[in-house]
PDB file of N, CA and C in Angstrom:
ATOM      1  N   MET A   1      98.300-122.509 199.835  1.00  0.00           N
ATOM      2  CA  MET A   1      99.215-121.796 200.488  1.00  0.00           C
ATOM      3  C   MET A   1     100.477-122.647 200.294  1.00  0.00           C
ATOM      4  N   SER A   2     101.541-121.986 200.194  1.00  0.00           N
ATOM      5  CA  SER A   2     102.957-122.432 199.942  1.00  0.00           C
ATOM      6  C   SER A   2     103.922-121.885 201.032  1.00  0.00           C
ATOM      7  N   VAL A   3     104.997-122.528 201.194  1.00  0.00           N
ATOM      8  CA  VAL A   3     105.948-122.030 202.184  1.00  0.00           C
ATOM      9  C   VAL A   3     106.660-120.756 201.447  1.00  0.00           C
ATOM     10  N   ILE A   4     106.688-119.711 202.440  1.00  0.00           N
ATOM     11  CA  ILE A   4     107.326-118.524 201.856  1.00  0.00           C
ATOM     12  C   ILE A   4     108.665-118.135 202.634  1.00  0.00           C
ATOM     13  N   ASN A   5     109.621-118.026 201.700  1.00  0.00           N
ATOM     14  CA  ASN A   5     111.008-117.805 202.363  1.00  0.00           C
ATOM     15  C   ASN A   5     111.202-116.372 202.190  1.00  0.00           C
ATOM     16  N   LEU A   6     111.355-115.601 203.424  1.00  0.00           N
ATOM     17  CA  LEU A   6     111.606-114.208 203.327  1.00  0.00           C
ATOM     18  C   LEU A   6     112.883-113.675 202.666  1.00  0.00           C
ATOM     19  N   GLN A   7     113.915-114.510 202.944  1.00  0.00           N
ATOM     20  CA  GLN A   7     115.175-114.116 202.397  1.00  0.00           C
ATOM     21  C   GLN A   7     115.236-114.147 200.777  1.00  0.00           C
ATOM     22  N   ASP A   8     114.314-115.161 200.104  1.00  0.00           N
ATOM     23  CA  ASP A   8     114.337-115.212 198.839  1.00  0.00           C
ATOM     24  C   ASP A   8     113.473-114.110 198.264  1.00  0.00           C
ATOM     25  N   LYS A   9     112.399-113.709 198.981  1.00  0.00           N
ATOM     26  CA  LYS A   9     111.363-112.585 198.572  1.00  0.00           C
ATOM     27  C   LYS A   9     112.310-111.276 198.798  1.00  0.00           C
ATOM     28  N   LEU A  10     113.182-111.201 199.645  1.00  0.00           N
ATOM     29  CA  LEU A  10     113.763-109.810 199.665  1.00  0.00           C
ATOM     30  C   LEU A  10     114.895-109.662 198.534  1.00  0.00           C
ATOM     31  N   THR A  11     115.170-110.725 197.739  1.00  0.00           N
ATOM     32  CA  THR A  11     115.984-110.607 196.674  1.00  0.00           C
ATOM     33  C   THR A  11     115.276-109.983 195.422  1.00  0.00           C
ATOM     34  N   LEU A  12     113.906-109.994 195.411  1.00  0.00           N
ATOM     35  CA  LEU A  12     113.065-109.675 194.329  1.00  0.00           C
ATOM     36  C   LEU A  12     112.864-108.273 194.155  1.00  0.00           C
ATOM     37  N   PHE A  13     113.397-107.311 195.199  1.00  0.00           N
ATOM     38  CA  PHE A  13     113.030-105.976 194.980  1.00  0.00           C
ATOM     39  C   PHE A  13     114.311-105.233 195.717  1.00  0.00           C
ATOM     40  N   SER A  14     114.612-103.984 195.314  1.00  0.00           N
ATOM     41  CA  SER A  14     115.672-103.102 195.961  1.00  0.00           C
ATOM     42  C   SER A  14     115.243-101.638 196.521  1.00  0.00           C
ATOM     43  N   ASP A  15     113.918-101.205 196.070  1.00  0.00           N
ATOM     44  CA  ASP A  15     113.494 -99.976 196.404  1.00  0.00           C
ATOM     45  C   ASP A  15     113.258 -99.867 197.979  1.00  0.00           C
ATOM     46  N   HIS A  16     113.406 -98.708 198.412  1.00  0.00           N
ATOM     47  CA  HIS A  16     113.356 -98.560 199.807  1.00  0.00           C
ATOM     48  C   HIS A  16     111.937 -97.877 200.242  1.00  0.00           C
ATOM     49  N   TRP A  17     111.577 -98.199 201.287  1.00  0.00           N
ATOM     50  CA  TRP A  17     110.257 -97.491 201.829  1.00  0.00           C
ATOM     51  C   TRP A  17     108.975 -97.928 201.098  1.00  0.00           C
ATOM     52  N   SER A  18     108.845 -99.009 200.308  1.00  0.00           N
ATOM     53  CA  SER A  18     107.843 -99.515 199.413  1.00  0.00           C
ATOM     54  C   SER A  18     107.582-100.839 199.887  1.00  0.00           C
ATOM     55  N   PRO A  19     106.736-101.142 201.001  1.00  0.00           N
ATOM     56  CA  PRO A  19     106.602-102.485 201.506  1.00  0.00           C
ATOM     57  C   PRO A  19     105.911-103.387 200.321  1.00  0.00           C
ATOM     58  N   LYS A  20     106.128-104.697 200.387  1.00  0.00           N
ATOM     59  CA  LYS A  20     105.745-105.588 199.540  1.00  0.00           C
ATOM     60  C   LYS A  20     104.961-106.692 200.205  1.00  0.00           C
ATOM     61  N   LYS A  21     103.668-106.969 199.970  1.00  0.00           N
ATOM     62  CA  LYS A  21     102.877-108.143 200.563  1.00  0.00           C
ATOM     63  C   LYS A  21     103.316-109.425 200.238  1.00  0.00           C
ATOM     64  N   VAL A  22     103.499-110.212 201.331  1.00  0.00           N
ATOM     65  CA  VAL A  22     104.064-111.690 201.126  1.00  0.00           C
ATOM     66  C   VAL A  22     103.079-112.595 201.598  1.00  0.00           C
ATOM     67  N   GLY A  23     101.863-111.995 202.371  1.00  0.00           N
ATOM     68  CA  GLY A  23     100.913-112.908 202.836  1.00  0.00           C
ATOM     69  C   GLY A  23      99.748-112.165 203.658  1.00  0.00           C
ATOM     70  N   GLU A  24      98.564-112.695 203.907  1.00  0.00           N
ATOM     71  CA  GLU A  24      97.515-112.176 204.625  1.00  0.00           C
ATOM     72  C   GLU A  24      96.966-113.196 205.661  1.00  0.00           C
ATOM     73  N   LEU A  25      96.456-112.853 206.767  1.00  0.00           N
ATOM     74  CA  LEU A  25      95.863-113.824 207.664  1.00  0.00           C
ATOM     75  C   LEU A  25      95.093-112.943 208.683  1.00  0.00           C
ATOM     76  N   ASN A  26      93.783-113.389 208.921  1.00  0.00           N
ATOM     77  CA  ASN A  26      92.786-112.847 209.743  1.00  0.00           C
ATOM     78  C   ASN A  26      92.694-111.222 209.804  1.00  0.00           C
ATOM     79  N   GLY A  27      92.628-110.692 208.610  1.00  0.00           N
ATOM     80  CA  GLY A  27      92.380-109.327 208.612  1.00  0.00           C
ATOM     81  C   GLY A  27      93.834-108.454 208.587  1.00  0.00           C
ATOM     82  N   GLN A  28      94.969-109.371 208.626  1.00  0.00           N
ATOM     83  CA  GLN A  28      96.219-108.675 208.707  1.00  0.00           C
ATOM     84  C   GLN A  28      97.046-108.917 207.600  1.00  0.00           C
ATOM     85  N   GLN A  29      97.897-108.108 207.156  1.00  0.00           N
ATOM     86  CA  GLN A  29      98.922-108.318 205.931  1.00  0.00           C
ATOM     87  C   GLN A  29     100.287-108.438 206.722  1.00  0.00           C
ATOM     88  N   ILE A  30     101.064-109.212 205.938  1.00  0.00           N
ATOM     89  CA  ILE A  30     102.463-109.528 206.275  1.00  0.00           C
ATOM     90  C   ILE A  30     103.218-108.811 205.204  1.00  0.00           C
ATOM     91  N   LEU A  31     103.968-107.661 205.614  1.00  0.00           N
ATOM     92  CA  LEU A  31     104.853-107.075 204.385  1.00  0.00           C
ATOM     93  C   LEU A  31     106.305-107.133 204.793  1.00  0.00           C
ATOM     94  N   LEU A  32     107.027-107.065 203.670  1.00  0.00           N
ATOM     95  CA  LEU A  32     108.420-107.136 203.685  1.00  0.00           C
ATOM     96  C   LEU A  32     108.887-105.680 203.039  1.00  0.00           C
ATOM     97  N   ALA A  33     109.864-105.003 203.712  1.00  0.00           N
ATOM     98  CA  ALA A  33     110.357-103.728 203.159  1.00  0.00           C
ATOM     99  C   ALA A  33     111.959-103.552 203.518  1.00  0.00           C
ATOM    100  N   LYS A  34     112.449-102.792 202.496  1.00  0.00           N
ATOM    101  CA  LYS A  34     113.880-102.352 202.831  1.00  0.00           C
ATOM    102  C   LYS A  34     113.819-101.079 203.028  1.00  0.00           C
ATOM    103  N   LEU A  35     114.553-100.486 204.006  1.00  0.00           N
ATOM    104  CA  LEU A  35     114.581 -99.000 204.629  1.00  0.00           C
ATOM    105  C   LEU A  35     115.951 -98.629 204.513  1.00  0.00           C
ATOM    106  N   LYS A  36     116.071 -97.320 204.256  1.00  0.00           N
ATOM    107  CA  LYS A  36     117.278 -96.652 204.237  1.00  0.00           C
ATOM    108  C   LYS A  36     116.841 -95.150 204.308  1.00  0.00           C
ATOM    109  N   GLY A  37     117.589 -94.468 205.232  1.00  0.00           N
ATOM    110  CA  GLY A  37     117.331 -93.008 205.306  1.00  0.00           C
ATOM    111  C   GLY A  37     116.279 -92.793 206.399  1.00  0.00           C
ATOM    112  N   GLU A  38     115.573 -91.553 206.341  1.00  0.00           N
ATOM    113  CA  GLU A  38     114.398 -91.263 207.117  1.00  0.00           C
ATOM    114  C   GLU A  38     113.051 -91.334 206.415  1.00  0.00           C
ATOM    115  N   PHE A  39     112.076 -91.644 207.231  1.00  0.00           N
ATOM    116  CA  PHE A  39     110.665 -91.750 206.878  1.00  0.00           C
ATOM    117  C   PHE A  39     110.120 -90.380 207.340  1.00  0.00           C
ATOM    118  N   VAL A  40     108.776 -90.353 207.447  1.00  0.00           N
ATOM    119  CA  VAL A  40     108.283 -88.974 207.850  1.00  0.00           C
ATOM    120  C   VAL A  40     107.469 -89.404 209.281  1.00  0.00           C
ATOM    121  N   PHE A  41     107.451 -88.486 210.100  1.00  0.00           N
ATOM    122  CA  PHE A  41     106.619 -88.580 211.464  1.00  0.00           C
ATOM    123  C   PHE A  41     105.123 -88.757 210.802  1.00  0.00           C
ATOM    124  N   HIS A  42     104.333 -89.921 211.423  1.00  0.00           N
ATOM    125  CA  HIS A  42     103.161 -90.152 211.227  1.00  0.00           C
ATOM    126  C   HIS A  42     102.416 -90.933 212.191  1.00  0.00           C
ATOM    127  N   LYS A  43     101.224 -91.232 212.153  1.00  0.00           N
ATOM    128  CA  LYS A  43     100.564 -91.930 213.030  1.00  0.00           C
ATOM    129  C   LYS A  43      99.397 -92.760 212.418  1.00  0.00           C
ATOM    130  N   HIS A  44      99.008 -93.804 213.082  1.00  0.00           N
ATOM    131  CA  HIS A  44      97.875 -94.450 212.608  1.00  0.00           C
ATOM    132  C   HIS A  44      96.737 -94.552 213.524  1.00  0.00           C
ATOM    133  N   ASP A  45      95.749 -93.807 213.442  1.00  0.00           N
ATOM    134  CA  ASP A  45      94.728 -93.602 214.457  1.00  0.00           C
ATOM    135  C   ASP A  45      94.067 -94.916 215.025  1.00  0.00           C
ATOM    136  N   TYR A  46      93.878 -95.815 214.127  1.00  0.00           N
ATOM    137  CA  TYR A  46      93.054 -96.991 214.462  1.00  0.00           C
ATOM    138  C   TYR A  46      93.640 -98.216 214.493  1.00  0.00           C
ATOM    139  N   GLU A  47      94.903 -98.326 213.993  1.00  0.00           N
ATOM    140  CA  GLU A  47      95.683 -99.533 214.036  1.00  0.00           C
ATOM    141  C   GLU A  47      97.170 -99.518 214.809  1.00  0.00           C
ATOM    142  N   ASP A  48      97.481-100.509 215.331  1.00  0.00           N
ATOM    143  CA  ASP A  48      98.855-100.836 215.794  1.00  0.00           C
ATOM    144  C   ASP A  48      99.677-101.264 214.556  1.00  0.00           C
ATOM    145  N   GLU A  49     101.141-101.181 214.767  1.00  0.00           N
ATOM    146  CA  GLU A  49     101.947-101.641 213.672  1.00  0.00           C
ATOM    147  C   GLU A  49     103.273-102.162 214.304  1.00  0.00           C
ATOM    148  N   LEU A  50     103.371-103.419 213.780  1.00  0.00           N
ATOM    149  CA  LEU A  50     104.497-104.255 214.303  1.00  0.00           C
ATOM    150  C   LEU A  50     105.511-104.064 213.319  1.00  0.00           C
ATOM    151  N   PHE A  51     106.910-103.665 213.819  1.00  0.00           N
ATOM    152  CA  PHE A  51     108.185-103.725 212.987  1.00  0.00           C
ATOM    153  C   PHE A  51     109.001-104.765 213.560  1.00  0.00           C
ATOM    154  N   MET A  52     109.363-105.739 212.678  1.00  0.00           N
ATOM    155  CA  MET A  52     110.291-106.769 213.110  1.00  0.00           C
ATOM    156  C   MET A  52     111.667-106.691 212.255  1.00  0.00           C
ATOM    157  N   VAL A  53     112.808-106.522 212.817  1.00  0.00           N
ATOM    158  CA  VAL A  53     114.093-106.349 212.022  1.00  0.00           C
ATOM    159  C   VAL A  53     114.727-107.707 211.733  1.00  0.00           C
ATOM    160  N   LEU A  54     114.873-107.916 210.368  1.00  0.00           N
ATOM    161  CA  LEU A  54     115.648-109.097 209.838  1.00  0.00           C
ATOM    162  C   LEU A  54     117.013-108.993 209.684  1.00  0.00           C
ATOM    163  N   LYS A  55     117.305-107.682 209.236  1.00  0.00           N
ATOM    164  CA  LYS A  55     118.674-107.439 209.078  1.00  0.00           C
ATOM    165  C   LYS A  55     118.991-105.945 209.411  1.00  0.00           C
ATOM    166  N   GLY A  56     120.070-105.642 209.990  1.00  0.00           N
ATOM    167  CA  GLY A  56     120.345-104.460 210.381  1.00  0.00           C
ATOM    168  C   GLY A  56     119.844-103.871 211.604  1.00  0.00           C
ATOM    169  N   SER A  57     119.886-102.473 211.714  1.00  0.00           N
ATOM    170  CA  SER A  57     119.338-101.861 213.028  1.00  0.00           C
ATOM    171  C   SER A  57     118.568-100.690 212.664  1.00  0.00           C
ATOM    172  N   LEU A  58     117.308-100.568 213.160  1.00  0.00           N
ATOM    173  CA  LEU A  58     116.368 -99.612 212.996  1.00  0.00           C
ATOM    174  C   LEU A  58     116.119 -98.838 214.236  1.00  0.00           C
ATOM    175  N   ASP A  59     116.035 -97.642 214.123  1.00  0.00           N
ATOM    176  CA  ASP A  59     115.658 -96.582 215.110  1.00  0.00           C
ATOM    177  C   ASP A  59     114.245 -96.116 214.740  1.00  0.00           C
ATOM    178  N   ILE A  60     113.235 -96.141 215.708  1.00  0.00           N
ATOM    179  CA  ILE A  60     111.957 -95.700 215.614  1.00  0.00           C
ATOM    180  C   ILE A  60     111.952 -94.526 216.621  1.00  0.00           C
ATOM    181  N   GLU A  61     111.918 -93.088 215.942  1.00  0.00           N
ATOM    182  CA  GLU A  61     111.677 -92.175 216.861  1.00  0.00           C
ATOM    183  C   GLU A  61     110.358 -91.790 217.204  1.00  0.00           C
ATOM    184  N   LEU A  62     110.094 -91.672 218.375  1.00  0.00           N
ATOM    185  CA  LEU A  62     108.749 -91.216 218.925  1.00  0.00           C
ATOM    186  C   LEU A  62     108.867 -89.671 219.317  1.00  0.00           C
ATOM    187  N   ARG A  63     107.906 -89.193 219.649  1.00  0.00           N
ATOM    188  CA  ARG A  63     107.945 -87.755 220.208  1.00  0.00           C
ATOM    189  C   ARG A  63     108.922 -87.580 221.448  1.00  0.00           C
ATOM    190  N   ASN A  64     108.751 -88.603 222.358  1.00  0.00           N
ATOM    191  CA  ASN A  64     109.396 -88.544 223.595  1.00  0.00           C
ATOM    192  C   ASN A  64     110.670 -89.535 223.896  1.00  0.00           C
ATOM    193  N   LYS A  65     110.828 -90.328 223.056  1.00  0.00           N
ATOM    194  CA  LYS A  65     112.064 -91.122 222.940  1.00  0.00           C
ATOM    195  C   LYS A  65     112.379 -91.714 221.636  1.00  0.00           C
ATOM    196  N   THR A  66     113.556 -92.665 221.501  1.00  0.00           N
ATOM    197  CA  THR A  66     113.913 -93.303 220.318  1.00  0.00           C
ATOM    198  C   THR A  66     113.928 -94.854 220.867  1.00  0.00           C
ATOM    199  N   VAL A  67     113.374 -95.708 220.125  1.00  0.00           N
ATOM    200  CA  VAL A  67     113.578 -97.198 220.247  1.00  0.00           C
ATOM    201  C   VAL A  67     114.282 -97.738 219.155  1.00  0.00           C
ATOM    202  N   THR A  68     115.358 -98.307 219.557  1.00  0.00           N
ATOM    203  CA  THR A  68     116.354 -99.131 218.706  1.00  0.00           C
ATOM    204  C   THR A  68     116.040-100.553 218.587  1.00  0.00           C
ATOM    205  N   LEU A  69     115.878-100.972 217.462  1.00  0.00           N
ATOM    206  CA  LEU A  69     115.664-102.479 217.188  1.00  0.00           C
ATOM    207  C   LEU A  69     116.838-102.950 216.492  1.00  0.00           C
ATOM    208  N   LYS A  70     117.207-104.151 216.978  1.00  0.00           N
ATOM    209  CA  LYS A  70     118.363-104.962 216.320  1.00  0.00           C
ATOM    210  C   LYS A  70     117.779-106.084 215.613  1.00  0.00           C
ATOM    211  N   GLU A  71     118.626-106.924 214.759  1.00  0.00           N
ATOM    212  CA  GLU A  71     118.229-108.043 214.093  1.00  0.00           C
ATOM    213  C   GLU A  71     117.534-108.872 215.131  1.00  0.00           C
ATOM    214  N   GLY A  72     116.372-109.560 214.816  1.00  0.00           N
ATOM    215  CA  GLY A  72     115.600-110.502 215.523  1.00  0.00           C
ATOM    216  C   GLY A  72     114.768-109.894 216.614  1.00  0.00           C
ATOM    217  N   GLU A  73     114.673-108.495 216.767  1.00  0.00           N
ATOM    218  CA  GLU A  73     113.813-107.855 217.510  1.00  0.00           C
ATOM    219  C   GLU A  73     112.519-107.279 217.020  1.00  0.00           C
ATOM    220  N   PHE A  74     111.540-107.015 217.675  1.00  0.00           N
ATOM    221  CA  PHE A  74     110.270-106.352 217.113  1.00  0.00           C
ATOM    222  C   PHE A  74     109.878-105.194 218.162  1.00  0.00           C
ATOM    223  N   TYR A  75     109.028-104.338 217.723  1.00  0.00           N
ATOM    224  CA  TYR A  75     108.291-103.435 218.477  1.00  0.00           C
ATOM    225  C   TYR A  75     107.062-103.044 217.795  1.00  0.00           C
ATOM    226  N   ILE A  76     106.104-102.804 218.750  1.00  0.00           N
ATOM    227  CA  ILE A  76     104.750-102.489 218.288  1.00  0.00           C
ATOM    228  C   ILE A  76     104.539-101.220 218.716  1.00  0.00           C
ATOM    229  N   VAL A  77     104.160-100.303 217.596  1.00  0.00           N
ATOM    230  CA  VAL A  77     103.892 -98.837 217.771  1.00  0.00           C
ATOM    231  C   VAL A  77     102.398 -98.708 217.979  1.00  0.00           C
ATOM    232  N   PRO A  78     101.962 -98.460 219.065  1.00  0.00           N
ATOM    233  CA  PRO A  78     100.549 -98.391 219.537  1.00  0.00           C
ATOM    234  C   PRO A  78      99.605 -97.494 218.595  1.00  0.00           C
ATOM    235  N   LYS A  79      98.393 -97.662 218.347  1.00  0.00           N
ATOM    236  CA  LYS A  79      97.547 -96.812 217.558  1.00  0.00           C
ATOM    237  C   LYS A  79      97.650 -95.311 218.218  1.00  0.00           C
ATOM    238  N   GLY A  80      97.510 -94.437 217.284  1.00  0.00           N
ATOM    239  CA  GLY A  80      97.605 -93.199 217.702  1.00  0.00           C
ATOM    240  C   GLY A  80      99.034 -92.370 218.026  1.00  0.00           C
ATOM    241  N   VAL A  81      99.998 -93.174 217.994  1.00  0.00           N
ATOM    242  CA  VAL A  81     101.428 -92.803 218.521  1.00  0.00           C
ATOM    243  C   VAL A  81     102.226 -92.315 217.302  1.00  0.00           C
ATOM    244  N   GLU A  82     102.640 -91.153 217.221  1.00  0.00           N
ATOM    245  CA  GLU A  82     103.481 -90.517 216.076  1.00  0.00           C
ATOM    246  C   GLU A  82     104.929 -91.328 216.057  1.00  0.00           C
ATOM    247  N   HIS A  83     105.226 -91.693 215.067  1.00  0.00           N
ATOM    248  CA  HIS A  83     106.528 -92.431 214.810  1.00  0.00           C
ATOM    249  C   HIS A  83     107.236 -92.073 213.582  1.00  0.00           C
ATOM    250  N   LYS A  84     108.504 -91.990 213.549  1.00  0.00           N
ATOM    251  CA  LYS A  84     109.269 -91.938 212.317  1.00  0.00           C
ATOM    252  C   LYS A  84     110.449 -92.919 212.291  1.00  0.00           C
ATOM    253  N   PRO A  85     110.389 -94.001 211.473  1.00  0.00           N
ATOM    254  CA  PRO A  85     111.422 -94.915 211.403  1.00  0.00           C
ATOM    255  C   PRO A  85     112.696 -94.236 210.735  1.00  0.00           C
ATOM    256  N   ILE A  86     113.800 -94.719 211.052  1.00  0.00           N
ATOM    257  CA  ILE A  86     115.136 -94.245 210.657  1.00  0.00           C
ATOM    258  C   ILE A  86     116.024 -95.349 210.546  1.00  0.00           C
ATOM    259  N   ALA A  87     116.620 -95.348 209.196  1.00  0.00           N
ATOM    260  CA  ALA A  87     117.596 -96.648 208.904  1.00  0.00           C
ATOM    261  C   ALA A  87     118.904 -95.839 208.561  1.00  0.00           C
ATOM    262  N   LYS A  88     119.915 -95.914 209.346  1.00  0.00           N
ATOM    263  CA  LYS A  88     121.258 -95.214 209.052  1.00  0.00           C
ATOM    264  C   LYS A  88     121.824 -95.939 207.820  1.00  0.00           C
ATOM    265  N   GLU A  89     121.791 -97.249 207.789  1.00  0.00           N
ATOM    266  CA  GLU A  89     122.238 -98.320 206.883  1.00  0.00           C
ATOM    267  C   GLU A  89     120.888 -99.056 206.364  1.00  0.00           C
ATOM    268  N   GLU A  90     121.169 -99.866 205.313  1.00  0.00           N
ATOM    269  CA  GLU A  90     119.821-100.462 204.808  1.00  0.00           C
ATOM    270  C   GLU A  90     119.399-101.516 205.709  1.00  0.00           C
ATOM    271  N   VAL A  91     118.142-101.501 206.142  1.00  0.00           N
ATOM    272  CA  VAL A  91     117.528-102.435 206.983  1.00  0.00           C
ATOM    273  C   VAL A  91     116.472-103.207 206.281  1.00  0.00           C
ATOM    274  N   HIS A  92     116.280-104.544 206.668  1.00  0.00           N
ATOM    275  CA  HIS A  92     115.209-105.344 206.116  1.00  0.00           C
ATOM    276  C   HIS A  92     114.329-105.575 207.222  1.00  0.00           C
ATOM    277  N   ILE A  93     113.039-105.490 206.916  1.00  0.00           N
ATOM    278  CA  ILE A  93     111.993-105.483 207.938  1.00  0.00           C
ATOM    279  C   ILE A  93     110.946-106.494 207.575  1.00  0.00           C
ATOM    280  N   VAL A  94     110.124-106.929 208.429  1.00  0.00           N
ATOM    281  CA  VAL A  94     108.778-107.410 208.292  1.00  0.00           C
ATOM    282  C   VAL A  94     107.893-106.599 209.093  1.00  0.00           C
ATOM    283  N   LEU A  95     106.610-106.218 208.373  1.00  0.00           N
ATOM    284  CA  LEU A  95     105.667-105.578 209.151  1.00  0.00           C
ATOM    285  C   LEU A  95     104.387-106.343 209.246  1.00  0.00           C
ATOM    286  N   PHE A  96     103.757-106.467 210.250  1.00  0.00           N
ATOM    287  CA  PHE A  96     102.403-106.886 210.550  1.00  0.00           C
ATOM    288  C   PHE A  96     101.420-105.740 210.812  1.00  0.00           C
ATOM    289  N   GLU A  97     100.501-105.610 209.752  1.00  0.00           N
ATOM    290  CA  GLU A  97      99.544-104.365 210.074  1.00  0.00           C
ATOM    291  C   GLU A  97      98.130-105.070 209.464  1.00  0.00           C
ATOM    292  N   PRO A  98      97.094-104.282 210.002  1.00  0.00           N
ATOM    293  CA  PRO A  98      95.851-104.499 209.583  1.00  0.00           C
ATOM    294  C   PRO A  98      95.733-104.234 208.039  1.00  0.00           C
ATOM    295  N   LEU A  99      94.662-104.868 207.318  1.00  0.00           N
ATOM    296  CA  LEU A  99      94.431-104.562 205.892  1.00  0.00           C
ATOM    297  C   LEU A  99      94.207-102.931 205.569  1.00  0.00           C
ATOM    298  N   SER A 100      93.591-102.448 206.657  1.00  0.00           N
ATOM    299  CA  SER A 100      93.051-101.022 206.513  1.00  0.00           C
ATOM    300  C   SER A 100      94.045-100.112 206.612  1.00  0.00           C
ATOM    301  N   ILE A 101      95.276-100.218 207.174  1.00  0.00           N
ATOM    302  CA  ILE A 101      96.287 -99.275 207.355  1.00  0.00           C
ATOM    303  C   ILE A 101      96.752 -98.420 206.329  1.00  0.00           C
ATOM    304  N   LYS A 102      96.866 -97.402 206.473  1.00  0.00           N
ATOM    305  CA  LYS A 102      97.476 -96.413 205.330  1.00  0.00           C
ATOM    306  C   LYS A 102      99.033 -96.248 205.520  1.00  0.00           C
ATOM    307  N   HIS A 103      99.896 -96.257 204.543  1.00  0.00           N
ATOM    308  CA  HIS A 103     101.293 -96.260 204.553  1.00  0.00           C
ATOM    309  C   HIS A 103     101.901 -95.362 205.423  1.00  0.00           C
ATOM    310  N   THR A 104     101.419 -94.139 205.112  1.00  0.00           N
ATOM    311  CA  THR A 104     101.945 -92.853 205.990  1.00  0.00           C
ATOM    312  C   THR A 104     100.905 -92.450 206.890  1.00  0.00           C
ATOM    313  N   GLY A 105      99.963 -93.305 207.170  1.00  0.00           N
ATOM    314  CA  GLY A 105      99.001 -92.786 208.256  1.00  0.00           C
ATOM    315  C   GLY A 105      98.231 -91.512 207.853  1.00  0.00           C
ATOM    316  N   ASP A 106      98.274 -90.577 208.730  1.00  0.00           N
ATOM    317  CA  ASP A 106      97.445 -89.213 208.580  1.00  0.00           C
ATOM    318  C   ASP A 106      98.386 -88.211 207.755  1.00  0.00           C
ATOM    319  N   VAL A 107      99.315 -88.600 207.040  1.00  0.00           N
ATOM    320  CA  VAL A 107     100.355 -87.821 206.331  1.00  0.00           C
ATOM    321  C   VAL A 107     100.345 -88.284 204.852  1.00  0.00           C
ATOM    322  N   ILE A 108     100.343 -87.319 203.940  1.00  0.00           N
ATOM    323  CA  ILE A 108     100.607 -87.676 202.454  1.00  0.00           C
ATOM    324  C   ILE A 108     102.045 -87.204 202.303  1.00  0.00           C
ATOM    325  N   ALA A 109     102.841 -87.916 201.657  1.00  0.00           N
ATOM    326  CA  ALA A 109     104.206 -87.395 201.528  1.00  0.00           C
ATOM    327  C   ALA A 109     104.725 -88.036 199.962  1.00  0.00           C
ATOM    328  N   ASP A 110     105.811 -87.593 199.781  1.00  0.00           N
ATOM    329  CA  ASP A 110     106.469 -88.146 198.385  1.00  0.00           C
ATOM    330  C   ASP A 110     106.551 -89.496 198.316  1.00  0.00           C
ATOM    331  N   ILE A 111     106.852 -90.162 199.380  1.00  0.00           N
ATOM    332  CA  ILE A 111     107.095 -91.504 199.538  1.00  0.00           C
ATOM    333  C   ILE A 111     105.714 -92.399 199.783  1.00  0.00           C
ATOM    334  N   THR A 112     104.617 -91.864 200.013  1.00  0.00           N
ATOM    335  CA  THR A 112     103.537 -92.373 200.188  1.00  0.00           C
ATOM    336  C   THR A 112     103.177 -93.466 199.099  1.00  0.00           C
ATOM    337  N   VAL A 113     102.762 -94.739 199.580  1.00  0.00           N
ATOM    338  CA  VAL A 113     102.196 -95.787 198.658  1.00  0.00           C
ATOM    339  C   VAL A 113     100.928 -96.094 198.992  1.00  0.00           C
ATOM    340  N   GLU A 114      99.945 -96.125 198.090  1.00  0.00           N
ATOM    341  CA  GLU A 114      98.596 -96.276 198.029  1.00  0.00           C
ATOM    342  C   GLU A 114      98.229 -97.707 198.318  1.00  0.00           C
ATOM    343  N   THR A 115      98.881 -98.643 197.473  1.00  0.00           N
ATOM    344  CA  THR A 115      98.756-100.161 197.655  1.00  0.00           C
ATOM    345  C   THR A 115     100.030-100.714 197.718  1.00  0.00           C
ATOM    346  N   TYR A 116     100.016-101.956 198.246  1.00  0.00           N
ATOM    347  CA  TYR A 116     101.167-102.725 198.524  1.00  0.00           C
ATOM    348  C   TYR A 116     101.225-103.949 197.555  1.00  0.00           C
ATOM    349  N   PRO A 117     102.189-103.892 196.626  1.00  0.00           N
ATOM    350  CA  PRO A 117     102.147-105.130 195.549  1.00  0.00           C
ATOM    351  C   PRO A 117     102.550-106.354 196.345  1.00  0.00           C
ATOM    352  N   ALA A 118     101.918-107.361 195.714  1.00  0.00           N
ATOM    353  CA  ALA A 118     102.303-108.728 196.190  1.00  0.00           C
ATOM    354  C   ALA A 118     103.481-109.258 195.370  1.00  0.00           C
ATOM    355  N   ILE A 119     104.338-109.950 196.222  1.00  0.00           N
ATOM    356  CA  ILE A 119     105.479-110.492 195.630  1.00  0.00           C
ATOM    357  C   ILE A 119     105.569-111.906 195.902  1.00  0.00           C
TER     358      ILE A 119
END
């Protein structure tokens, strides 16, 4: 294992809504992603999902409220809760998720990614 510099890794890609794997530990994967625009409402029936904002501001729309995350903040979406991330401007995030999680949960969309490439 070597030191991972998140800022360096973020310079290696520019696509949005396509997480890149930067590490694994104890059945969890650490993903980096750049977001811009709206995702789709979806849920993960069996897994919690942690969103941590490195750059920008991210809205996570839930069915009953919207959670706004600023740089340095994180939010855990509990399993089974429908959510839709929204990035008005480009946002850089870290995701902590179980290896078993599906990108768009119970929804198949044009932006669905089947596997996360390692960078």
